[in-house]
Amino acid sequence: MHTSAHMTRRTQREAGFSLIEVMISLVILAIGVLALTELQLTVTKGNGSSSTMVTAISLAEQKMESLKTASYTTIQSEPPTAVTTSVGRTLVKSL
């Protein structure tokens, strides 16, 4: 009977987490959350870049379609096209 009481006390002492275990798990969790934050910032920047690229491709496709249906004399007499870059500069390209 004496041995079972000793075993009960021992298992009750070892039943919880130590402070060191809790601190280590919190550090690991914090590193994971910081990594997810960095990933979110990278994805947000990528989405902005993709949006700009889609707009540029759409404009280029529209211009190519208009050039396909136009005659050579129409293309020569067409005025230069102004293009605004992502940083706000306006470029005029003449053919």
Protein backbone atom coordinates (compact mmCIF):
# COMPACT_ATOMS: atom_id res chain seq x y z
CA MET A 1 0.00 0.00 0.00
CA HIS A 2 2.86 2.31 0.76
CA THR A 3 4.27 1.93 -2.76
CA SER A 4 1.00 2.88 -4.48
CA ALA A 5 0.76 6.12 -2.47
CA HIS A 6 4.31 6.92 -3.47
CA MET A 7 3.50 6.28 -7.16
CA THR A 8 0.40 8.47 -6.95
CA ARG A 9 2.36 11.40 -5.58
CA ARG A 10 5.04 10.96 -8.20
CA THR A 11 2.62 10.95 -11.15
CA GLN A 12 0.81 13.99 -9.79
CA ARG A 13 4.08 15.92 -9.68
CA GLU A 14 4.99 14.96 -13.24
CA ALA A 15 1.51 15.50 -14.69
CA GLY A 16 1.89 19.16 -15.83
CA PHE A 17 4.26 21.12 -18.07
CA SER A 18 7.35 22.79 -16.73
CA LEU A 19 7.98 26.50 -17.21
CA ILE A 20 10.88 25.76 -19.58
CA GLU A 21 8.66 23.62 -21.83
CA VAL A 22 6.02 26.35 -21.98
CA MET A 23 8.62 29.04 -22.77
CA ILE A 24 10.19 26.95 -25.55
CA SER A 25 6.81 26.27 -27.11
CA LEU A 26 5.96 30.01 -27.00
CA VAL A 27 9.23 30.88 -28.75
CA ILE A 28 8.53 28.32 -31.48
CA LEU A 29 4.99 29.65 -31.88
CA ALA A 30 6.25 33.26 -32.11
CA ILE A 31 8.77 32.31 -34.82
CA GLY A 32 5.98 30.62 -36.78
CA VAL A 33 3.70 33.66 -36.53
CA LEU A 34 6.50 35.98 -37.67
CA ALA A 35 7.19 33.71 -40.65
CA LEU A 36 3.51 33.82 -41.61
CA THR A 37 3.54 37.62 -41.38
CA GLU A 38 6.52 37.80 -43.73
CA LEU A 39 4.78 35.42 -46.12
CA GLN A 40 1.66 37.60 -46.09
CA LEU A 41 3.72 40.70 -46.98
CA THR A 42 5.39 38.85 -49.85
CA VAL A 43 2.06 37.65 -51.21
CA THR A 44 0.59 41.16 -51.02
CA LYS A 45 3.52 42.61 -53.00
CA GLY A 46 3.18 39.83 -55.57
CA ASN A 47 -0.53 40.54 -56.01
CA GLY A 48 0.16 44.21 -56.74
CA SER A 49 2.80 43.29 -59.30
CA SER A 50 0.47 40.76 -60.92
CA SER A 51 -2.32 43.32 -61.16
CA THR A 52 -0.02 45.76 -62.97
CA MET A 53 1.15 43.01 -65.31
CA VAL A 54 -2.43 41.97 -66.15
CA THR A 55 -3.31 45.58 -67.01
CA ALA A 56 -0.26 45.89 -69.28
CA ILE A 57 -1.01 42.62 -71.05
CA SER A 58 -4.64 43.61 -71.56
CA LEU A 59 -3.64 46.93 -73.11
CA ALA A 60 -1.08 45.20 -75.35
CA GLU A 61 -3.67 42.65 -76.52
CA GLN A 62 -6.15 45.42 -77.35
CA LYS A 63 -3.49 47.25 -79.36
CA MET A 64 -2.48 44.08 -81.23
CA GLU A 65 -6.10 43.35 -82.10
CA SER A 66 -6.59 46.86 -83.44
CA LEU A 67 -3.40 46.56 -85.50
CA LYS A 68 -4.52 43.21 -86.96
CA THR A 69 -7.71 44.70 -88.38
CA ALA A 70 -6.15 47.98 -89.60
CA SER A 71 -4.57 48.54 -92.98
CA TYR A 72 -0.95 49.59 -93.41
CA THR A 73 -1.83 53.20 -94.33
CA THR A 74 -4.02 53.52 -91.21
CA ILE A 75 -1.18 52.30 -89.03
CA GLN A 76 1.25 54.83 -90.53
CA SER A 77 -1.10 57.76 -90.02
CA GLU A 78 -2.07 56.83 -86.46
CA PRO A 79 -0.83 59.31 -83.79
CA PRO A 80 1.71 58.16 -81.18
CA THR A 81 0.36 56.26 -78.20
CA ALA A 82 0.96 57.67 -74.71
CA VAL A 83 1.67 55.07 -72.05
CA THR A 84 1.72 55.81 -68.31
CA THR A 85 4.13 53.68 -66.29
CA SER A 86 3.50 52.32 -62.80
CA VAL A 87 5.59 55.14 -61.28
CA GLY A 88 3.52 57.83 -63.02
CA ARG A 89 5.84 58.68 -65.92
CA THR A 90 4.17 59.19 -69.31
CA LEU A 91 6.00 57.79 -72.32
CA VAL A 92 5.10 58.57 -75.94
CA LYS A 93 6.23 56.01 -78.45
CA SER A 94 5.97 56.88 -82.11
CA LEU A 95 6.00 54.18 -84.76
